[in-house]
Amino acid sequence: MPYVMVTVLIFSIPSLLIIASAHDVKTGKRDRIAFKWPVLLHLALVAIGLAIQLYYQQAYHFPFFQTETENWVVVLVVGVLAGIILLVNIIITLTSGKNLPKSIHDPKAVNYFIIGIVLSLSTILLIAVPTGKKMAFSHAINKAIEASDEAQTEDFPVVLITSERECLKNTSSCRNSPYSNQFFVRNNLDKTQEVQVKIRALNSSGEEMKVIDSHIMTLQPGELRLVKTEETNETSSPWNQYSFQTDSFTGQYEYWKRHRDPK
């Protein structure tokens, strides 16, 4: 999550600069809103974000775009928010807005605000968030490779890389959110195998929280893969997937595995 928060914050800078400039105009410190540098910065961030995603496509074989469903969710969220603001603007303009000074209600300014919201949110949800999640997932993969390297004596080491809540920490809603766990398995044999693992997740006190079987996975020699179970949403983008969820942080775990030659 820190990766996502950082990328969202960085991609929000152009919008924050425009808001600050608009505030200066309203207080009389400036004559007009400064759009030039925020827009140039926005375009530069978009280019950098796309370049980073191209890198992950080449280095980790991540899909360049989110899934179609995830893109439609973004369109729906942005469209509904913009539609609500536009509807309120129209209603106020056609009713009490006619008697209000532009300093209180300026329909044209609201329309510009809507355009800004659409562009800013679309950029954040389509570029900033996926970029941050790809960074986090690639970091998890690298950690899994390091951990499995230390277990070369095992044929199929299973390692837990992340057990975290996908929400903003220290918020009331986050306290009741489940923990998403990312387990990885690696084939250390010199031949392709079909592998299935059973994982027993324990909390920090050693109490059992869940026992779950993975799907049967075909692993090439040396291949590392996210352990997928019935809880894994395989229709989502790889960086949005997890092995399974638990009510508490997974502090300990046990696993058993079985393997065979591919049929």
C-alpha atoms as a PDB file:
ATOM      1  CA  MET A   1       0.000   0.000   0.000  1.00  0.00           C
ATOM      2  CA  PRO A   2       2.786   2.566   0.649  1.00  0.00           C
ATOM      3  CA  TYR A   3       3.713   2.353  -3.047  1.00  0.00           C
ATOM      4  CA  VAL A   4       0.153   3.180  -4.054  1.00  0.00           C
ATOM      5  CA  MET A   5      -0.118   6.031  -1.555  1.00  0.00           C
ATOM      6  CA  VAL A   6       3.152   7.552  -2.787  1.00  0.00           C
ATOM      7  CA  THR A   7       2.209   7.355  -6.485  1.00  0.00           C
ATOM      8  CA  VAL A   8      -1.264   8.786  -5.817  1.00  0.00           C
ATOM      9  CA  LEU A   9       0.261  11.644  -3.823  1.00  0.00           C
ATOM     10  CA  ILE A  10       2.773  12.417  -6.574  1.00  0.00           C
ATOM     11  CA  PHE A  11       0.128  12.329  -9.314  1.00  0.00           C
ATOM     12  CA  SER A  12      -2.089  14.631  -7.218  1.00  0.00           C
ATOM     13  CA  ILE A  13       0.526  17.415  -7.149  1.00  0.00           C
ATOM     14  CA  PRO A  14      -0.664  19.135 -10.399  1.00  0.00           C
ATOM     15  CA  SER A  15      -4.254  19.273  -9.117  1.00  0.00           C
ATOM     16  CA  LEU A  16      -3.112  20.597  -5.742  1.00  0.00           C
ATOM     17  CA  LEU A  17      -1.076  23.310  -7.481  1.00  0.00           C
ATOM     18  CA  ILE A  18      -4.105  24.411  -9.496  1.00  0.00           C
ATOM     19  CA  ILE A  19      -6.289  24.434  -6.370  1.00  0.00           C
ATOM     20  CA  ALA A  20      -3.688  26.550  -4.557  1.00  0.00           C
ATOM     21  CA  SER A  21      -3.517  28.915  -7.541  1.00  0.00           C
ATOM     22  CA  ALA A  22      -7.322  29.194  -7.638  1.00  0.00           C
ATOM     23  CA  HIS A  23      -7.324  30.046  -3.938  1.00  0.00           C
ATOM     24  CA  ASP A  24      -4.768  32.803  -4.599  1.00  0.00           C
ATOM     25  CA  VAL A  25      -7.040  34.218  -7.318  1.00  0.00           C
ATOM     26  CA  LYS A  26     -10.010  34.207  -4.961  1.00  0.00           C
ATOM     27  CA  THR A  27      -8.031  35.998  -2.241  1.00  0.00           C
ATOM     28  CA  GLY A  28      -6.652  38.535  -4.712  1.00  0.00           C
ATOM     29  CA  LYS A  29      -3.032  37.362  -4.655  1.00  0.00           C
ATOM     30  CA  ARG A  30      -3.135  36.450  -8.365  1.00  0.00           C
ATOM     31  CA  ASP A  31      -5.016  37.737 -11.397  1.00  0.00           C
ATOM     32  CA  ARG A  32      -5.607  34.340 -12.982  1.00  0.00           C
ATOM     33  CA  ILE A  33      -5.141  30.655 -12.303  1.00  0.00           C
ATOM     34  CA  ALA A  34      -1.722  29.329 -13.335  1.00  0.00           C
ATOM     35  CA  PHE A  35      -2.389  26.303 -15.543  1.00  0.00           C
ATOM     36  CA  LYS A  36       0.815  26.076 -17.582  1.00  0.00           C
ATOM     37  CA  TRP A  37       3.231  24.392 -15.160  1.00  0.00           C
ATOM     38  CA  PRO A  38       0.669  22.101 -13.492  1.00  0.00           C
ATOM     39  CA  VAL A  39      -0.496  20.882 -16.920  1.00  0.00           C
ATOM     40  CA  LEU A  40       3.097  20.308 -18.075  1.00  0.00           C
ATOM     41  CA  LEU A  41       3.824  18.451 -14.833  1.00  0.00           C
ATOM     42  CA  HIS A  42       0.667  16.379 -15.304  1.00  0.00           C
ATOM     43  CA  LEU A  43       1.711  15.401 -18.830  1.00  0.00           C
ATOM     44  CA  ALA A  44       5.237  14.566 -17.621  1.00  0.00           C
ATOM     45  CA  LEU A  45       3.861  12.352 -14.837  1.00  0.00           C
ATOM     46  CA  VAL A  46       1.577  10.546 -17.301  1.00  0.00           C
ATOM     47  CA  ALA A  47       4.556   9.892 -19.594  1.00  0.00           C
ATOM     48  CA  ILE A  48       6.673   8.663 -16.667  1.00  0.00           C
ATOM     49  CA  GLY A  49       3.856   6.441 -15.416  1.00  0.00           C
ATOM     50  CA  LEU A  50       3.390   4.861 -18.845  1.00  0.00           C
ATOM     51  CA  ALA A  51       7.152   4.352 -19.176  1.00  0.00           C
ATOM     52  CA  ILE A  52       7.260   2.617 -15.788  1.00  0.00           C
ATOM     53  CA  GLN A  53       4.388   0.345 -16.786  1.00  0.00           C
ATOM     54  CA  LEU A  54       6.164  -0.467 -20.051  1.00  0.00           C
ATOM     55  CA  TYR A  55       9.220  -1.446 -17.997  1.00  0.00           C
ATOM     56  CA  TYR A  56       7.152  -3.818 -15.862  1.00  0.00           C
ATOM     57  CA  GLN A  57       5.628  -5.300 -18.973  1.00  0.00           C
ATOM     58  CA  GLN A  58       9.097  -6.084 -20.320  1.00  0.00           C
ATOM     59  CA  ALA A  59      10.786  -7.079 -17.032  1.00  0.00           C
ATOM     60  CA  TYR A  60       7.975  -8.960 -15.261  1.00  0.00           C
ATOM     61  CA  HIS A  61       5.568  -9.673 -18.128  1.00  0.00           C
ATOM     62  CA  PHE A  62       2.783  -7.767 -16.392  1.00  0.00           C
ATOM     63  CA  PRO A  63      -0.134  -6.783 -18.653  1.00  0.00           C
ATOM     64  CA  PHE A  64       0.235  -3.162 -19.716  1.00  0.00           C
ATOM     65  CA  PHE A  65      -3.422  -2.337 -19.003  1.00  0.00           C
ATOM     66  CA  GLN A  66      -5.818  -3.303 -16.243  1.00  0.00           C
ATOM     67  CA  THR A  67      -8.583  -5.765 -17.061  1.00  0.00           C
ATOM     68  CA  GLU A  68     -11.625  -4.516 -18.940  1.00  0.00           C
ATOM     69  CA  THR A  69     -13.779  -4.914 -15.831  1.00  0.00           C
ATOM     70  CA  GLU A  70     -11.395  -2.812 -13.723  1.00  0.00           C
ATOM     71  CA  ASN A  71     -11.342  -0.108 -16.398  1.00  0.00           C
ATOM     72  CA  TRP A  72     -15.142  -0.024 -16.483  1.00  0.00           C
ATOM     73  CA  VAL A  73     -15.220   0.377 -12.697  1.00  0.00           C
ATOM     74  CA  VAL A  74     -12.983   3.451 -13.081  1.00  0.00           C
ATOM     75  CA  VAL A  75     -15.252   4.863 -15.801  1.00  0.00           C
ATOM     76  CA  LEU A  76     -18.301   4.251 -13.605  1.00  0.00           C
ATOM     77  CA  VAL A  77     -16.792   5.859 -10.504  1.00  0.00           C
ATOM     78  CA  VAL A  78     -15.529   8.934 -12.375  1.00  0.00           C
ATOM     79  CA  GLY A  79     -18.715   9.219 -14.437  1.00  0.00           C
ATOM     80  CA  VAL A  80     -21.052   9.026 -11.429  1.00  0.00           C
ATOM     81  CA  LEU A  81     -19.049  11.602  -9.453  1.00  0.00           C
ATOM     82  CA  ALA A  82     -18.846  14.007 -12.396  1.00  0.00           C
ATOM     83  CA  GLY A  83     -22.528  13.453 -13.169  1.00  0.00           C
ATOM     84  CA  ILE A  84     -23.598  14.283  -9.613  1.00  0.00           C
ATOM     85  CA  ILE A  85     -21.580  17.517  -9.588  1.00  0.00           C
ATOM     86  CA  LEU A  86     -22.906  18.459 -13.043  1.00  0.00           C
ATOM     87  CA  LEU A  87     -26.504  17.775 -12.004  1.00  0.00           C
ATOM     88  CA  VAL A  88     -26.146  19.892  -8.856  1.00  0.00           C
ATOM     89  CA  ASN A  89     -24.583  22.677 -10.943  1.00  0.00           C
ATOM     90  CA  ILE A  90     -27.486  22.615 -13.419  1.00  0.00           C
ATOM     91  CA  ILE A  91     -30.116  22.631 -10.667  1.00  0.00           C
ATOM     92  CA  ILE A  92     -28.509  25.532  -8.816  1.00  0.00           C
ATOM     93  CA  THR A  93     -27.972  27.465 -12.070  1.00  0.00           C
ATOM     94  CA  LEU A  94     -31.612  27.088 -13.114  1.00  0.00           C
ATOM     95  CA  THR A  95     -32.989  28.012  -9.696  1.00  0.00           C
ATOM     96  CA  SER A  96     -31.242  30.187  -7.133  1.00  0.00           C
ATOM     97  CA  GLY A  97     -28.090  30.511  -9.209  1.00  0.00           C
ATOM     98  CA  LYS A  98     -29.578  33.303 -11.317  1.00  0.00           C
ATOM     99  CA  ASN A  99     -29.662  35.574  -8.281  1.00  0.00           C
ATOM    100  CA  LEU A 100     -26.245  34.661  -6.943  1.00  0.00           C
ATOM    101  CA  PRO A 101     -23.049  36.592  -7.761  1.00  0.00           C
ATOM    102  CA  LYS A 102     -20.323  34.719  -9.635  1.00  0.00           C
ATOM    103  CA  SER A 103     -18.108  34.879  -6.563  1.00  0.00           C
ATOM    104  CA  ILE A 104     -20.553  32.438  -4.932  1.00  0.00           C
ATOM    105  CA  HIS A 105     -21.749  30.406  -7.927  1.00  0.00           C
ATOM    106  CA  ASP A 106     -20.047  30.463 -11.323  1.00  0.00           C
ATOM    107  CA  PRO A 107     -21.476  27.736 -13.627  1.00  0.00           C
ATOM    108  CA  LYS A 108     -18.547  27.995 -16.044  1.00  0.00           C
ATOM    109  CA  ALA A 109     -16.028  27.599 -13.214  1.00  0.00           C
ATOM    110  CA  VAL A 110     -17.911  24.523 -11.980  1.00  0.00           C
ATOM    111  CA  ASN A 111     -17.773  23.014 -15.469  1.00  0.00           C
ATOM    112  CA  TYR A 112     -14.012  23.566 -15.547  1.00  0.00           C
ATOM    113  CA  PHE A 113     -13.839  21.952 -12.108  1.00  0.00           C
ATOM    114  CA  ILE A 114     -15.725  18.907 -13.422  1.00  0.00           C
ATOM    115  CA  ILE A 115     -13.281  18.578 -16.329  1.00  0.00           C
ATOM    116  CA  GLY A 116     -10.390  18.803 -13.880  1.00  0.00           C
ATOM    117  CA  ILE A 117     -11.947  16.152 -11.623  1.00  0.00           C
ATOM    118  CA  VAL A 118     -12.449  13.779 -14.565  1.00  0.00           C
ATOM    119  CA  LEU A 119      -8.877  14.201 -15.837  1.00  0.00           C
ATOM    120  CA  SER A 120      -7.276  14.018 -12.399  1.00  0.00           C
ATOM    121  CA  LEU A 121      -9.254  11.001 -11.138  1.00  0.00           C
ATOM    122  CA  SER A 122      -8.897   9.151 -14.442  1.00  0.00           C
ATOM    123  CA  THR A 123      -5.127   9.649 -14.367  1.00  0.00           C
ATOM    124  CA  ILE A 124      -4.886   8.533 -10.742  1.00  0.00           C
ATOM    125  CA  LEU A 125      -7.104   5.456 -11.142  1.00  0.00           C
ATOM    126  CA  LEU A 126      -5.836   4.372 -14.571  1.00  0.00           C
ATOM    127  CA  ILE A 127      -2.125   5.190 -14.214  1.00  0.00           C
ATOM    128  CA  ALA A 128      -1.052   6.135 -10.671  1.00  0.00           C
ATOM    129  CA  VAL A 129      -2.790   3.304  -8.776  1.00  0.00           C
ATOM    130  CA  PRO A 130      -1.792   0.512 -11.233  1.00  0.00           C
ATOM    131  CA  THR A 131       1.779   1.833 -11.251  1.00  0.00           C
ATOM    132  CA  GLY A 132       1.944   1.740  -7.456  1.00  0.00           C
ATOM    133  CA  LYS A 133       0.427  -1.734  -7.308  1.00  0.00           C
ATOM    134  CA  LYS A 134       2.835  -3.031  -9.953  1.00  0.00           C
ATOM    135  CA  MET A 135       5.716  -1.653  -7.896  1.00  0.00           C
ATOM    136  CA  ALA A 136       4.388  -3.406  -4.785  1.00  0.00           C
ATOM    137  CA  PHE A 137       3.786  -6.702  -6.595  1.00  0.00           C
ATOM    138  CA  SER A 138       7.217  -6.687  -8.256  1.00  0.00           C
ATOM    139  CA  HIS A 139       8.772  -6.003  -4.838  1.00  0.00           C
ATOM    140  CA  ALA A 140       6.846  -8.991  -3.458  1.00  0.00           C
ATOM    141  CA  ILE A 141       8.140 -11.163  -6.295  1.00  0.00           C
ATOM    142  CA  ASN A 142      11.734 -10.083  -5.631  1.00  0.00           C
ATOM    143  CA  LYS A 143      11.347 -10.839  -1.919  1.00  0.00           C
ATOM    144  CA  ALA A 144       9.857 -14.241  -2.779  1.00  0.00           C
ATOM    145  CA  ILE A 145      12.825 -15.017  -5.037  1.00  0.00           C
ATOM    146  CA  GLU A 146      15.257 -14.099  -2.253  1.00  0.00           C
ATOM    147  CA  ALA A 147      13.343 -16.162   0.319  1.00  0.00           C
ATOM    148  CA  SER A 148      13.106 -19.199  -1.973  1.00  0.00           C
ATOM    149  CA  ASP A 149      16.818 -18.887  -2.804  1.00  0.00           C
ATOM    150  CA  GLU A 150      17.482 -19.448   0.877  1.00  0.00           C
ATOM    151  CA  ALA A 151      15.449 -22.666   0.724  1.00  0.00           C
ATOM    152  CA  GLN A 152      17.233 -24.357  -2.174  1.00  0.00           C
ATOM    153  CA  THR A 153      17.237 -27.671  -0.276  1.00  0.00           C
ATOM    154  CA  GLU A 154      13.443 -27.804  -0.574  1.00  0.00           C
ATOM    155  CA  ASP A 155      11.852 -29.000  -3.793  1.00  0.00           C
ATOM    156  CA  PHE A 156       8.897 -26.611  -3.526  1.00  0.00           C
ATOM    157  CA  PRO A 157       9.418 -23.914  -0.893  1.00  0.00           C
ATOM    158  CA  VAL A 158       6.336 -21.879   0.005  1.00  0.00           C
ATOM    159  CA  VAL A 159       6.970 -18.365   1.329  1.00  0.00           C
ATOM    160  CA  LEU A 160       4.665 -15.741   2.791  1.00  0.00           C
ATOM    161  CA  ILE A 161       5.570 -12.293   1.510  1.00  0.00           C
ATOM    162  CA  THR A 162       2.717 -10.009   2.547  1.00  0.00           C
ATOM    163  CA  SER A 163      -0.129 -10.174   5.031  1.00  0.00           C
ATOM    164  CA  GLU A 164      -1.748  -6.762   5.101  1.00  0.00           C
ATOM    165  CA  ARG A 165      -5.005  -4.889   4.973  1.00  0.00           C
ATOM    166  CA  GLU A 166      -5.815  -3.181   1.683  1.00  0.00           C
ATOM    167  CA  CYS A 167      -7.030   0.048   3.239  1.00  0.00           C
ATOM    168  CA  LEU A 168      -5.829   3.242   4.874  1.00  0.00           C
ATOM    169  CA  LYS A 169      -4.315   2.399   8.237  1.00  0.00           C
ATOM    170  CA  ASN A 170      -5.630   3.889  11.486  1.00  0.00           C
ATOM    171  CA  THR A 171      -9.123   4.432  10.070  1.00  0.00           C
ATOM    172  CA  SER A 172     -12.277   2.986  11.637  1.00  0.00           C
ATOM    173  CA  SER A 173     -13.246   1.066   8.494  1.00  0.00           C
ATOM    174  CA  CYS A 174      -9.758  -0.430   8.190  1.00  0.00           C
ATOM    175  CA  ARG A 175      -9.882  -2.001  11.649  1.00  0.00           C
ATOM    176  CA  ASN A 176     -12.531  -4.478  10.500  1.00  0.00           C
ATOM    177  CA  SER A 177     -10.945  -5.230   7.125  1.00  0.00           C
ATOM    178  CA  PRO A 178      -9.451  -8.701   6.478  1.00  0.00           C
ATOM    179  CA  TYR A 179      -5.781  -9.320   5.816  1.00  0.00           C
ATOM    180  CA  SER A 180      -4.819 -10.285   2.257  1.00  0.00           C
ATOM    181  CA  ASN A 181      -2.035 -12.862   2.175  1.00  0.00           C
ATOM    182  CA  GLN A 182       0.365 -13.393  -0.709  1.00  0.00           C
ATOM    183  CA  PHE A 183       2.093 -16.776  -0.680  1.00  0.00           C
ATOM    184  CA  PHE A 184       4.510 -17.821  -3.401  1.00  0.00           C
ATOM    185  CA  VAL A 185       5.732 -21.279  -4.384  1.00  0.00           C
ATOM    186  CA  ARG A 186       8.826 -22.146  -6.409  1.00  0.00           C
ATOM    187  CA  ASN A 187       9.852 -25.246  -8.326  1.00  0.00           C
ATOM    188  CA  ASN A 188      13.461 -26.030  -7.423  1.00  0.00           C
ATOM    189  CA  LEU A 189      13.526 -29.254  -9.428  1.00  0.00           C
ATOM    190  CA  ASP A 190      15.018 -29.523 -12.883  1.00  0.00           C
ATOM    191  CA  LYS A 191      11.759 -30.758 -14.425  1.00  0.00           C
ATOM    192  CA  THR A 192       8.240 -29.449 -14.913  1.00  0.00           C
ATOM    193  CA  GLN A 193       5.805 -30.513 -12.207  1.00  0.00           C
ATOM    194  CA  GLU A 194       2.157 -30.200 -11.266  1.00  0.00           C
ATOM    195  CA  VAL A 195       2.059 -28.902  -7.693  1.00  0.00           C
ATOM    196  CA  GLN A 196      -0.611 -28.428  -5.051  1.00  0.00           C
ATOM    197  CA  VAL A 197      -0.029 -27.063  -1.561  1.00  0.00           C
ATOM    198  CA  LYS A 198      -2.120 -26.952   1.623  1.00  0.00           C
ATOM    199  CA  ILE A 199      -1.496 -23.941   3.845  1.00  0.00           C
ATOM    200  CA  ARG A 200      -2.351 -23.609   7.527  1.00  0.00           C
ATOM    201  CA  ALA A 201      -2.353 -19.936   8.516  1.00  0.00           C
ATOM    202  CA  LEU A 202      -1.785 -19.021  12.168  1.00  0.00           C
ATOM    203  CA  ASN A 203      -1.976 -15.684  13.938  1.00  0.00           C
ATOM    204  CA  SER A 204       0.881 -14.204  15.949  1.00  0.00           C
ATOM    205  CA  SER A 205      -0.230 -16.228  18.997  1.00  0.00           C
ATOM    206  CA  GLY A 206      -0.056 -19.499  17.078  1.00  0.00           C
ATOM    207  CA  GLU A 207      -3.829 -19.919  16.840  1.00  0.00           C
ATOM    208  CA  GLU A 208      -5.163 -21.482  13.651  1.00  0.00           C
ATOM    209  CA  MET A 209      -7.118 -19.115  11.424  1.00  0.00           C
ATOM    210  CA  LYS A 210      -7.515 -21.022   8.170  1.00  0.00           C
ATOM    211  CA  VAL A 211      -6.496 -24.199   6.346  1.00  0.00           C
ATOM    212  CA  ILE A 212      -6.841 -24.012   2.579  1.00  0.00           C
ATOM    213  CA  ASP A 213      -5.755 -25.930  -0.520  1.00  0.00           C
ATOM    214  CA  SER A 214      -4.241 -24.261  -3.547  1.00  0.00           C
ATOM    215  CA  HIS A 215      -5.220 -24.903  -7.123  1.00  0.00           C
ATOM    216  CA  ILE A 216      -3.081 -27.411  -8.990  1.00  0.00           C
ATOM    217  CA  MET A 217      -0.310 -25.389 -10.629  1.00  0.00           C
ATOM    218  CA  THR A 218       2.032 -26.437 -13.431  1.00  0.00           C
ATOM    219  CA  LEU A 219       5.484 -25.030 -12.652  1.00  0.00           C
ATOM    220  CA  GLN A 220       8.442 -24.982 -14.993  1.00  0.00           C
ATOM    221  CA  PRO A 221      11.951 -25.618 -13.537  1.00  0.00           C
ATOM    222  CA  GLY A 222      12.886 -22.634 -11.368  1.00  0.00           C
ATOM    223  CA  GLU A 223       9.491 -20.981 -11.861  1.00  0.00           C
ATOM    224  CA  LEU A 224       8.049 -18.855  -9.052  1.00  0.00           C
ATOM    225  CA  ARG A 225       4.336 -18.242  -8.872  1.00  0.00           C
ATOM    226  CA  LEU A 226       1.700 -16.764  -6.586  1.00  0.00           C
ATOM    227  CA  VAL A 227      -0.161 -19.517  -4.751  1.00  0.00           C
ATOM    228  CA  LYS A 228      -3.746 -19.324  -5.982  1.00  0.00           C
ATOM    229  CA  THR A 229      -6.745 -20.714  -4.114  1.00  0.00           C
ATOM    230  CA  GLU A 230     -10.515 -20.606  -4.401  1.00  0.00           C
ATOM    231  CA  GLU A 231     -10.345 -17.107  -2.863  1.00  0.00           C
ATOM    232  CA  THR A 232      -8.034 -15.742  -5.555  1.00  0.00           C
ATOM    233  CA  ASN A 233      -9.825 -13.528  -8.063  1.00  0.00           C
ATOM    234  CA  GLU A 234      -8.118 -14.725 -11.231  1.00  0.00           C
ATOM    235  CA  THR A 235     -10.163 -12.350 -13.404  1.00  0.00           C
ATOM    236  CA  SER A 236      -8.421  -9.335 -11.839  1.00  0.00           C
ATOM    237  CA  SER A 237      -5.009  -8.003 -12.803  1.00  0.00           C
ATOM    238  CA  PRO A 238      -2.051  -9.980 -11.376  1.00  0.00           C
ATOM    239  CA  TRP A 239      -1.026  -7.131  -9.072  1.00  0.00           C
ATOM    240  CA  ASN A 240      -4.503  -7.132  -7.494  1.00  0.00           C
ATOM    241  CA  GLN A 241      -4.470 -10.840  -6.653  1.00  0.00           C
ATOM    242  CA  TYR A 242      -3.796 -12.521  -3.327  1.00  0.00           C
ATOM    243  CA  SER A 243      -3.738 -16.153  -2.158  1.00  0.00           C
ATOM    244  CA  PHE A 244      -6.463 -15.862   0.479  1.00  0.00           C
ATOM    245  CA  GLN A 245      -7.668 -13.647   3.327  1.00  0.00           C
ATOM    246  CA  THR A 246      -7.611 -14.031   7.101  1.00  0.00           C
ATOM    247  CA  ASP A 247      -9.258 -12.102   9.916  1.00  0.00           C
ATOM    248  CA  SER A 248      -5.915 -11.352  11.576  1.00  0.00           C
ATOM    249  CA  PHE A 249      -2.305 -10.884  10.540  1.00  0.00           C
ATOM    250  CA  THR A 250      -0.654 -14.157   9.530  1.00  0.00           C
ATOM    251  CA  GLY A 251       2.277 -14.386  11.927  1.00  0.00           C
ATOM    252  CA  GLN A 252       3.076 -18.066  11.332  1.00  0.00           C
ATOM    253  CA  TYR A 253       2.177 -20.713   8.798  1.00  0.00           C
ATOM    254  CA  GLU A 254       2.662 -24.361   7.941  1.00  0.00           C
ATOM    255  CA  TYR A 255       2.346 -26.053   4.586  1.00  0.00           C
ATOM    256  CA  TRP A 256       2.269 -29.417   2.932  1.00  0.00           C
ATOM    257  CA  LYS A 257       2.732 -30.092  -0.752  1.00  0.00           C
ATOM    258  CA  ARG A 258       2.341 -32.814  -3.295  1.00  0.00           C
ATOM    259  CA  HIS A 259       3.572 -32.955  -6.870  1.00  0.00           C
ATOM    260  CA  ARG A 260       3.571 -35.151  -9.934  1.00  0.00           C
ATOM    261  CA  ASP A 261       4.688 -35.190 -13.546  1.00  0.00           C
ATOM    262  CA  PRO A 262       2.286 -33.376 -15.878  1.00  0.00           C
ATOM    263  CA  LYS A 263      -0.261 -35.634 -17.515  1.00  0.00           C
END
